[in-house]
Protein backbone atom coordinates (compact mmCIF):
# COMPACT_ATOMS: atom_id res chain seq x y z
CA MET A 1 150.42 179.52 201.53
CA ARG A 2 153.69 180.91 200.21
CA LYS A 3 153.15 179.14 196.88
CA ALA A 4 149.62 180.51 196.58
CA ALA A 5 150.89 184.01 197.30
CA VAL A 6 153.51 183.71 194.58
CA VAL A 7 150.86 182.54 192.08
CA LEU A 8 148.59 185.46 192.98
CA LEU A 9 151.45 187.95 192.69
CA PHE A 10 152.45 186.54 189.30
CA GLY A 11 148.88 186.85 188.07
CA PHE A 12 148.68 190.43 189.29
CA LEU A 13 151.92 191.35 187.52
CA LEU A 14 150.72 189.79 184.27
CA GLY A 15 147.46 191.73 184.49
CA SER A 16 149.19 195.01 185.21
CA CYS A 17 151.56 194.55 182.27
CA SER A 18 148.86 193.73 179.73
CA SER A 19 148.11 196.41 177.15
CA PRO A 20 144.92 198.43 177.53
CA PRO A 21 142.33 198.14 174.75
CA SER A 22 143.29 200.20 171.73
CA PRO A 23 141.09 203.26 171.15
CA PRO A 24 138.82 203.45 168.08
CA ALA A 25 140.64 204.42 164.92
CA PHE A 26 139.27 207.94 164.44
CA THR A 27 139.01 211.10 166.50
CA ASP A 28 138.32 213.44 163.58
CA ALA A 29 134.97 213.39 161.74
CA ARG A 30 136.50 214.11 158.33
CA ALA A 31 139.00 211.24 158.64
CA LEU A 32 136.20 208.94 159.82
CA ALA A 33 133.99 209.85 156.86
CA ASP A 34 136.82 209.54 154.33
CA ALA A 35 137.85 206.09 155.56
CA ALA A 36 134.28 204.75 155.72
CA THR A 37 133.49 206.15 152.25
CA ALA A 38 136.58 204.46 150.76
CA ALA A 39 135.69 201.19 152.52
CA THR A 40 132.10 201.39 151.22
CA THR A 41 133.30 201.84 147.65
CA SER A 42 135.85 199.04 147.88
CA GLY A 43 133.26 196.82 149.58
CA GLY A 44 131.40 196.82 146.29
CA SER A 45 127.99 195.62 147.42
CA ALA A 46 125.87 194.78 150.44
CA LYS A 47 122.39 193.93 151.60
CA PHE A 48 120.48 196.36 153.80
CA THR A 49 117.36 196.90 155.87
CA THR A 50 115.82 200.23 156.75
CA ASP A 51 113.44 201.26 159.53
CA VAL A 52 111.80 204.70 159.29
CA ALA A 53 109.89 206.27 162.17
CA VAL A 54 109.12 209.94 161.49
CA GLY A 55 106.03 211.41 163.13
CA GLN A 56 103.12 209.19 162.17
CA VAL A 57 105.06 207.50 159.37
CA ARG A 58 106.28 203.99 160.11
CA SER A 59 107.85 201.88 157.40
CA LYS A 60 110.33 199.11 156.90
CA GLY A 61 112.29 198.08 153.85
CA GLN A 62 114.95 195.70 152.65
CA GLY A 63 117.14 195.48 149.62
CA GLN A 64 120.57 195.22 148.09
CA ALA A 65 122.95 197.85 146.80
CA ARG A 66 126.02 198.20 144.61
CA PHE A 67 128.57 200.87 145.51
CA GLY A 68 131.17 202.45 143.29
CA ALA A 69 132.94 205.63 142.32
CA GLY A 70 130.06 206.46 139.97
CA GLY A 71 127.49 206.37 142.76
CA THR A 72 125.15 203.91 144.42
CA SER A 73 122.55 201.71 142.73
CA GLN A 74 119.99 199.81 144.72
CA VAL A 75 116.90 197.64 144.61
CA MET A 76 114.54 197.62 147.57
CA THR A 77 111.05 196.72 148.70
CA THR A 78 109.32 199.05 151.14
CA ASP A 79 105.90 199.37 152.79
CA PHE A 80 106.20 203.18 152.77
CA ILE A 81 102.76 203.63 151.18
CA GLY A 82 101.12 200.96 153.34
CA GLU A 83 101.61 198.08 150.93
CA PRO A 84 104.72 196.49 149.41
CA MET A 85 106.33 198.52 146.64
CA GLU A 86 109.56 197.91 144.75
CA LEU A 87 112.02 200.72 144.04
CA ARG A 88 115.09 200.62 141.82
CA LEU A 89 117.73 203.32 141.69
CA VAL A 90 120.04 202.73 138.72
CA ALA A 91 122.39 205.19 136.99
CA GLY A 92 120.80 208.09 138.84
CA LYS A 93 117.23 207.21 137.80
CA LEU A 94 114.65 206.17 140.39
CA TYR A 95 112.00 203.68 139.23
CA ALA A 96 108.91 202.72 141.22
CA LYS A 97 106.71 199.70 140.54
CA VAL A 98 103.18 201.04 140.73
CA PRO A 99 100.72 198.84 142.66
CA GLU A 100 98.21 197.29 140.27
CA GLY A 101 95.27 199.11 141.82
CA SER A 102 96.89 202.50 141.15
CA ARG A 103 98.06 202.06 137.56
CA ASP A 104 94.93 203.56 136.03
CA GLU A 105 95.40 206.67 138.17
CA VAL A 106 99.00 207.04 137.01
CA GLY A 107 97.75 206.84 133.45
CA THR A 108 100.48 204.83 131.76
CA GLY A 109 99.06 201.34 132.17
CA LYS A 110 102.62 200.07 132.65
CA PRO A 111 104.00 198.63 135.85
CA TRP A 112 106.97 200.99 136.28
CA VAL A 113 107.34 204.77 136.34
CA VAL A 114 110.34 207.04 136.62
CA VAL A 115 109.99 209.08 139.82
CA THR A 116 111.51 212.52 140.40
CA ALA A 117 111.04 215.02 143.19
CA ALA A 118 110.00 217.70 140.66
CA GLY A 119 108.09 215.39 138.32
CA THR A 120 104.73 216.45 136.90
CA ASP A 121 103.20 212.97 136.66
CA PRO A 122 100.66 212.06 139.37
CA PHE A 123 102.92 209.52 141.07
CA SER A 124 105.87 211.90 141.33
CA GLN A 125 103.67 214.75 142.53
CA VAL A 126 102.39 212.69 145.44
CA LEU A 127 105.40 210.58 146.37
CA GLY A 128 108.39 211.74 144.34
CA GLY A 129 110.16 213.72 147.05
CA SER A 130 109.54 211.15 149.78
CA LEU A 131 110.71 208.18 147.73
CA ALA A 132 113.81 210.00 146.50
CA GLN A 133 114.68 210.87 150.11
CA LEU A 134 114.09 207.28 151.20
CA THR A 135 116.61 205.91 148.71
CA THR A 136 119.08 208.67 149.60
CA GLN A 137 119.00 207.65 153.26
CA ASN A 138 119.84 204.05 152.27
CA ASP A 139 123.09 205.26 150.71
CA PRO A 140 125.84 205.44 153.36
CA ALA A 141 127.81 207.83 151.15
CA HIS A 142 125.16 210.50 151.73
CA THR A 143 125.32 210.38 155.53
CA LEU A 144 129.11 210.08 155.45
CA GLY A 145 129.20 213.20 153.28
CA GLU A 146 127.15 215.05 155.90
CA ILE A 147 129.53 213.85 158.62
CA ARG A 148 132.49 215.07 156.58
CA THR A 149 130.91 218.50 156.09
CA ALA A 150 129.24 219.19 159.42
CA GLY A 151 130.15 216.47 161.91
CA SER A 152 131.98 216.39 165.22
CA ILE A 153 132.76 213.12 167.01
CA VAL A 154 131.24 213.18 170.50
CA SER A 155 132.34 209.72 171.66
CA SER A 156 133.61 206.40 170.35
CA GLU A 157 134.09 202.89 171.67
CA HIS A 158 134.83 199.34 170.69
CA GLY A 159 131.88 196.97 170.94
CA LYS A 160 129.78 194.45 169.07
CA LEU A 161 126.69 194.67 166.90
CA ASP A 162 124.80 191.40 166.63
CA GLY A 163 127.97 189.57 167.68
CA VAL A 164 130.18 191.31 165.10
CA ALA A 165 133.14 193.37 166.34
CA ALA A 166 132.44 197.04 165.63
CA GLU A 167 133.61 200.56 166.30
CA HIS A 168 130.71 202.70 167.52
CA TYR A 169 130.85 206.45 166.89
CA ARG A 170 128.46 209.09 168.16
CA VAL A 171 128.57 212.18 165.97
CA GLU A 172 126.81 215.54 166.12
CA LEU A 173 125.80 217.23 162.86
CA ASP A 174 125.51 221.00 162.80
CA LEU A 175 122.55 222.13 160.67
CA ALA A 176 124.15 225.52 160.02
CA ARG A 177 127.16 223.83 158.37
CA LEU A 178 125.10 221.50 156.17
CA GLY A 179 123.82 224.26 153.92
CA ALA A 180 121.32 222.91 151.40
CA ASP A 181 122.24 219.26 152.04
CA LEU A 182 119.60 218.62 154.70
CA PRO A 183 118.57 215.19 155.99
CA ALA A 184 115.27 213.34 155.88
CA GLY A 185 113.45 215.88 153.74
CA LEU A 186 113.98 218.75 156.18
CA SER A 187 113.39 222.00 154.31
CA ALA A 188 115.80 224.94 154.37
CA ASP A 189 113.07 227.10 155.98
CA SER A 190 112.54 224.54 158.73
CA ALA A 191 116.28 224.23 159.32
CA GLY A 192 116.58 228.00 159.62
CA ARG A 193 113.82 228.12 162.21
CA LEU A 194 115.05 225.13 164.19
CA GLY A 195 118.82 225.55 164.11
CA GLY A 196 120.89 223.42 166.43
CA LYS A 197 122.51 220.02 166.15
CA PHE A 198 121.32 216.45 165.95
CA PRO A 199 122.99 213.09 166.57
CA VAL A 200 124.08 210.38 164.18
CA GLU A 201 125.34 207.00 165.37
CA LEU A 202 127.64 204.99 163.15
CA TRP A 203 128.88 201.42 163.57
CA LEU A 204 131.81 200.27 161.40
CA ASP A 205 133.23 196.78 161.02
CA GLU A 206 136.95 196.02 161.25
CA GLY A 207 137.38 197.08 157.62
CA HIS A 208 135.63 200.42 158.32
CA ARG A 209 132.56 199.39 156.31
CA PRO A 210 129.22 200.59 157.73
CA LEU A 211 127.23 198.07 159.72
CA GLN A 212 124.54 200.44 161.00
CA VAL A 213 123.66 204.12 160.66
CA VAL A 214 121.08 205.79 162.93
CA LEU A 215 119.93 209.29 162.04
CA ASP A 216 117.96 210.93 164.86
CA LEU A 217 116.14 214.20 164.11
CA SER A 218 114.00 214.05 167.25
CA PRO A 219 115.97 216.76 169.12
CA ILE A 220 115.34 219.38 166.46
CA LEU A 221 111.82 218.44 165.39
CA GLN A 222 110.63 218.55 169.02
CA GLY A 223 107.31 216.85 168.98
CA GLY A 224 107.83 213.20 168.33
CA GLU A 225 110.17 210.48 167.22
CA ALA A 226 112.11 211.07 164.02
CA ARG A 227 114.59 208.26 163.52
CA ILE A 228 115.93 206.41 160.48
CA THR A 229 117.93 203.22 161.05
CA THR A 230 119.75 201.49 158.21
CA ARG A 231 121.69 198.26 158.67
CA TYR A 232 124.17 196.73 156.22
CA SER A 233 125.29 193.11 155.98
CA GLU A 234 126.88 190.55 153.67
CA TRP A 235 129.41 192.95 152.24
CA GLY A 236 130.82 191.83 148.90
CA VAL A 237 128.01 189.38 148.04
CA PRO A 238 126.86 189.32 144.40
CA VAL A 239 123.77 191.53 143.91
CA ASP A 240 121.27 191.88 141.08
CA VAL A 241 120.66 195.61 140.57
CA GLN A 242 119.38 196.68 137.18
CA ALA A 243 116.78 198.95 135.64
CA PRO A 244 113.35 197.53 134.70
CA PRO A 245 112.89 196.48 131.06
CA ALA A 246 112.37 199.61 128.97
CA GLY A 247 109.06 198.31 127.61
CA GLU A 248 107.61 198.13 131.12
CA VAL A 249 108.36 201.75 132.03
CA GLY A 250 105.65 204.36 131.43
């Protein structure tokens, strides 16, 4: 009995002397955004998936991206228009591969078009703003910039995401502080009417590279789900991100 008591006491003392878990690295939103942005750039490249649920819109996509000081380039496939469509964002230009059945309507007869939010071509007029916003939301630098400008950390914890050690941050973004840089296609007029704050959740790996970003506009849109989830994996893998051949662009 005496020996057992000594063993129990020794175990208790060891437990009481052990160090508590270290807190997550950041308590300030600006420091969090700066570190994750630097880690994204140094990470170089990654694969990603995106899940969009805004009102009646439901779409999924997957792709690969290259990150650098000059900006983000990416190639992705999405079912945003109800059928698979390839997008390429390279050197600031957004290209869309027009489904074969729609090429006569676009009028070029070529498989690729350059898409802009203010474009006058039929494809841009219908989808330009939405597709540009979709690729923007795949870029972690954009959300991190919003966190730097208008974010406040609400809570943080150590955890795991799909078995990978991660730091999980819950951040509130203040619409009034974002100015013209509004998320998910929200117009300035709508932001002025709605006001308020909305949550962003951010998971970082041990090198502070993003693993998952969840943007939730449901609290301010008030009327349905409005959530965009982007997940990143395979940081540093070689990626093939390039513009379509010039002869195939209309």
